[in-house]
Amino acid sequence: MSSGNFTYPPWSSLNFTHDCTLTSQFLTSWYQSLDRHVYVGPEITLLLDYFRAALPNSTSTITKGQIVDWYYATLHNSTEPLFVDPQFMTHVISDPLKICNKEFCSGLGYSGNPDIGGIGVSDTSLLHLVS
């Protein structure tokens, strides 16, 4: 996928887990937006910070507008309602959720037993909501 003269790097080249605090903030915002009747997405500043932090240094010229375009084009790259690109779900949501699960659960205000309602339940709920 590209925007103007900029070609977006493959999802697998991005590192969305090197800052679990930022990852938690983004995922919490993203996840909580799914509870609404109309998906509004994460807070825009978190979206920009999350993607910019994950990009390789060689892509420092990407603009805020290109990041927003990339995000929404990926989410809506289908004629199916609520379809989310599987590569996006894996690299941007699921893998970071697994790695930064303690911070994510804390961000949601959850302090219970992760064996009963931890990452597996959250991951399953997330995937069910968007598939």
C-alpha atoms as a PDB file:
ATOM      1  CA  MET A   1       0.000   0.000   0.000  1.00  0.00           C
ATOM      2  CA  SER A   2       1.252   3.485  -0.726  1.00  0.00           C
ATOM      3  CA  SER A   3       0.289   7.117  -0.349  1.00  0.00           C
ATOM      4  CA  GLY A   4       1.753   9.537  -2.868  1.00  0.00           C
ATOM      5  CA  ASN A   5       5.508   8.925  -2.986  1.00  0.00           C
ATOM      6  CA  PHE A   6       5.513   6.977   0.272  1.00  0.00           C
ATOM      7  CA  THR A   7       5.260   3.184   0.361  1.00  0.00           C
ATOM      8  CA  TYR A   8       4.205   1.799   3.711  1.00  0.00           C
ATOM      9  CA  PRO A   9       6.507  -0.798   5.208  1.00  0.00           C
ATOM     10  CA  PRO A  10       5.213  -4.339   5.722  1.00  0.00           C
ATOM     11  CA  TRP A  11       3.424  -4.883   9.036  1.00  0.00           C
ATOM     12  CA  SER A  12       6.046  -7.437  10.044  1.00  0.00           C
ATOM     13  CA  SER A  13       8.778  -4.766   9.954  1.00  0.00           C
ATOM     14  CA  LEU A  14       7.063  -2.638  12.597  1.00  0.00           C
ATOM     15  CA  ASN A  15       7.711  -2.951  16.332  1.00  0.00           C
ATOM     16  CA  PHE A  16       4.561  -2.139  18.275  1.00  0.00           C
ATOM     17  CA  THR A  17       5.841  -3.670  21.524  1.00  0.00           C
ATOM     18  CA  HIS A  18       9.010  -1.814  22.468  1.00  0.00           C
ATOM     19  CA  ASP A  19       7.029   0.600  24.694  1.00  0.00           C
ATOM     20  CA  CYS A  20       4.325  -1.336  26.570  1.00  0.00           C
ATOM     21  CA  THR A  21       3.027   1.837  28.225  1.00  0.00           C
ATOM     22  CA  LEU A  22       2.252   3.391  24.842  1.00  0.00           C
ATOM     23  CA  THR A  23       1.012   0.039  23.526  1.00  0.00           C
ATOM     24  CA  SER A  24      -1.343  -0.275  26.486  1.00  0.00           C
ATOM     25  CA  GLN A  25      -2.668   3.246  26.002  1.00  0.00           C
ATOM     26  CA  PHE A  26      -3.350   2.620  22.306  1.00  0.00           C
ATOM     27  CA  LEU A  27      -4.898  -0.832  22.800  1.00  0.00           C
ATOM     28  CA  THR A  28      -7.052   0.378  25.697  1.00  0.00           C
ATOM     29  CA  SER A  29      -8.348   3.251  23.567  1.00  0.00           C
ATOM     30  CA  TRP A  30      -8.863   0.929  20.584  1.00  0.00           C
ATOM     31  CA  TYR A  31     -10.564  -1.777  22.657  1.00  0.00           C
ATOM     32  CA  GLN A  32     -12.845   0.615  24.531  1.00  0.00           C
ATOM     33  CA  SER A  33     -13.960   2.176  21.250  1.00  0.00           C
ATOM     34  CA  LEU A  34     -15.317  -1.244  20.207  1.00  0.00           C
ATOM     35  CA  ASP A  35     -17.865  -1.079  23.040  1.00  0.00           C
ATOM     36  CA  ARG A  36     -19.668   1.782  21.350  1.00  0.00           C
ATOM     37  CA  HIS A  37     -22.445   1.133  18.853  1.00  0.00           C
ATOM     38  CA  VAL A  38     -20.425   2.947  16.189  1.00  0.00           C
ATOM     39  CA  TYR A  39     -16.702   2.283  15.915  1.00  0.00           C
ATOM     40  CA  VAL A  40     -14.821   5.555  16.296  1.00  0.00           C
ATOM     41  CA  GLY A  41     -11.323   4.161  16.724  1.00  0.00           C
ATOM     42  CA  PRO A  42      -8.580   5.090  19.128  1.00  0.00           C
ATOM     43  CA  GLU A  43      -7.768   8.646  20.089  1.00  0.00           C
ATOM     44  CA  ILE A  44      -5.955  10.245  17.152  1.00  0.00           C
ATOM     45  CA  THR A  45      -2.919  11.354  19.183  1.00  0.00           C
ATOM     46  CA  LEU A  46      -2.449   7.800  20.451  1.00  0.00           C
ATOM     47  CA  LEU A  47      -2.800   6.443  16.927  1.00  0.00           C
ATOM     48  CA  LEU A  48      -0.091   8.798  15.670  1.00  0.00           C
ATOM     49  CA  ASP A  49       2.256   8.135  18.600  1.00  0.00           C
ATOM     50  CA  TYR A  50       1.737   4.354  18.424  1.00  0.00           C
ATOM     51  CA  PHE A  51       2.437   4.090  14.698  1.00  0.00           C
ATOM     52  CA  ARG A  52       5.292   6.608  14.671  1.00  0.00           C
ATOM     53  CA  ALA A  53       7.018   4.720  17.524  1.00  0.00           C
ATOM     54  CA  ALA A  54       6.647   1.407  15.679  1.00  0.00           C
ATOM     55  CA  LEU A  55       8.069   2.599  12.368  1.00  0.00           C
ATOM     56  CA  PRO A  56      11.660   1.867  11.374  1.00  0.00           C
ATOM     57  CA  ASN A  57      13.974   4.903  11.507  1.00  0.00           C
ATOM     58  CA  SER A  58      14.143   4.928   7.701  1.00  0.00           C
ATOM     59  CA  THR A  59      10.507   6.069   7.550  1.00  0.00           C
ATOM     60  CA  SER A  60      10.893   9.252   9.590  1.00  0.00           C
ATOM     61  CA  THR A  61       9.469  11.354   6.738  1.00  0.00           C
ATOM     62  CA  ILE A  62       5.975   9.874   7.013  1.00  0.00           C
ATOM     63  CA  THR A  63       3.414  12.579   7.792  1.00  0.00           C
ATOM     64  CA  LYS A  64       0.581  12.511  10.319  1.00  0.00           C
ATOM     65  CA  GLY A  65      -1.883  12.483   7.440  1.00  0.00           C
ATOM     66  CA  GLN A  66      -0.202   9.473   5.849  1.00  0.00           C
ATOM     67  CA  ILE A  67      -0.367   7.563   9.140  1.00  0.00           C
ATOM     68  CA  VAL A  68      -4.081   8.317   9.528  1.00  0.00           C
ATOM     69  CA  ASP A  69      -4.754   7.406   5.874  1.00  0.00           C
ATOM     70  CA  TRP A  70      -2.798   4.165   6.262  1.00  0.00           C
ATOM     71  CA  TYR A  71      -4.671   3.179   9.418  1.00  0.00           C
ATOM     72  CA  TYR A  72      -8.152   3.822   8.042  1.00  0.00           C
ATOM     73  CA  ALA A  73      -7.381   2.407   4.585  1.00  0.00           C
ATOM     74  CA  THR A  74      -6.194  -0.797   6.259  1.00  0.00           C
ATOM     75  CA  LEU A  75      -9.292  -1.039   8.413  1.00  0.00           C
ATOM     76  CA  HIS A  76     -11.622  -0.476   5.509  1.00  0.00           C
ATOM     77  CA  ASN A  77      -9.768  -2.339   2.760  1.00  0.00           C
ATOM     78  CA  SER A  78     -12.737  -4.572   2.075  1.00  0.00           C
ATOM     79  CA  THR A  79     -16.364  -4.501   1.030  1.00  0.00           C
ATOM     80  CA  GLU A  80     -17.208  -6.546   4.135  1.00  0.00           C
ATOM     81  CA  PRO A  81     -18.455  -4.504   7.085  1.00  0.00           C
ATOM     82  CA  LEU A  82     -16.140  -4.650  10.095  1.00  0.00           C
ATOM     83  CA  PHE A  83     -13.495  -6.553   8.118  1.00  0.00           C
ATOM     84  CA  VAL A  84     -10.024  -5.963   9.508  1.00  0.00           C
ATOM     85  CA  ASP A  85      -6.920  -7.016   7.585  1.00  0.00           C
ATOM     86  CA  PRO A  86      -5.522 -10.166   9.282  1.00  0.00           C
ATOM     87  CA  GLN A  87      -1.941  -8.821   9.086  1.00  0.00           C
ATOM     88  CA  PHE A  88      -3.080  -5.643  10.825  1.00  0.00           C
ATOM     89  CA  MET A  89      -4.818  -7.645  13.556  1.00  0.00           C
ATOM     90  CA  THR A  90      -1.751  -9.809  14.107  1.00  0.00           C
ATOM     91  CA  HIS A  91       0.977  -7.169  14.129  1.00  0.00           C
ATOM     92  CA  VAL A  92      -0.864  -4.114  15.447  1.00  0.00           C
ATOM     93  CA  ILE A  93      -3.354  -5.638  17.896  1.00  0.00           C
ATOM     94  CA  SER A  94      -2.955  -9.344  18.801  1.00  0.00           C
ATOM     95  CA  ASP A  95       0.825  -9.721  19.149  1.00  0.00           C
ATOM     96  CA  PRO A  96       1.243  -6.471  21.118  1.00  0.00           C
ATOM     97  CA  LEU A  97      -1.723  -7.492  23.285  1.00  0.00           C
ATOM     98  CA  LYS A  98       0.010 -10.771  24.151  1.00  0.00           C
ATOM     99  CA  ILE A  99       3.354  -9.142  24.908  1.00  0.00           C
ATOM    100  CA  CYS A 100       2.016  -6.136  26.822  1.00  0.00           C
ATOM    101  CA  ASN A 101      -0.919  -7.894  28.510  1.00  0.00           C
ATOM    102  CA  LYS A 102      -0.145  -6.766  32.074  1.00  0.00           C
ATOM    103  CA  GLU A 103      -0.062  -3.112  31.047  1.00  0.00           C
ATOM    104  CA  PHE A 104      -3.196  -3.553  28.907  1.00  0.00           C
ATOM    105  CA  CYS A 105      -5.180  -5.194  31.716  1.00  0.00           C
ATOM    106  CA  SER A 106      -4.016  -2.475  34.079  1.00  0.00           C
ATOM    107  CA  GLY A 107      -5.057   0.169  31.551  1.00  0.00           C
ATOM    108  CA  LEU A 108      -8.552  -1.314  31.490  1.00  0.00           C
ATOM    109  CA  GLY A 109      -8.618  -1.261  35.277  1.00  0.00           C
ATOM    110  CA  TYR A 110      -8.562  -5.058  35.529  1.00  0.00           C
ATOM    111  CA  SER A 111      -6.720  -6.538  38.480  1.00  0.00           C
ATOM    112  CA  GLY A 112      -8.306  -9.999  38.645  1.00  0.00           C
ATOM    113  CA  ASN A 113      -6.986 -13.470  37.982  1.00  0.00           C
ATOM    114  CA  PRO A 114      -5.468 -13.566  34.469  1.00  0.00           C
ATOM    115  CA  ASP A 115      -6.072 -17.331  34.277  1.00  0.00           C
ATOM    116  CA  ILE A 116      -9.808 -16.691  34.359  1.00  0.00           C
ATOM    117  CA  GLY A 117     -10.163 -13.400  32.529  1.00  0.00           C
ATOM    118  CA  GLY A 118      -6.724 -12.566  31.215  1.00  0.00           C
ATOM    119  CA  ILE A 119      -5.227 -12.163  27.785  1.00  0.00           C
ATOM    120  CA  GLY A 120      -6.889 -15.217  26.259  1.00  0.00           C
ATOM    121  CA  VAL A 121     -10.337 -13.949  27.129  1.00  0.00           C
ATOM    122  CA  SER A 122      -9.468 -10.412  26.018  1.00  0.00           C
ATOM    123  CA  ASP A 123      -7.941 -11.647  22.759  1.00  0.00           C
ATOM    124  CA  THR A 124     -10.930 -13.864  22.026  1.00  0.00           C
ATOM    125  CA  SER A 125     -13.355 -11.050  22.809  1.00  0.00           C
ATOM    126  CA  LEU A 126     -11.420  -8.629  20.612  1.00  0.00           C
ATOM    127  CA  LEU A 127     -11.278 -11.006  17.674  1.00  0.00           C
ATOM    128  CA  HIS A 128     -14.950 -11.853  18.033  1.00  0.00           C
ATOM    129  CA  LEU A 129     -15.905  -8.168  17.998  1.00  0.00           C
ATOM    130  CA  VAL A 130     -14.007  -7.386  14.801  1.00  0.00           C
ATOM    131  CA  SER A 131     -14.575 -10.561  12.822  1.00  0.00           C
END
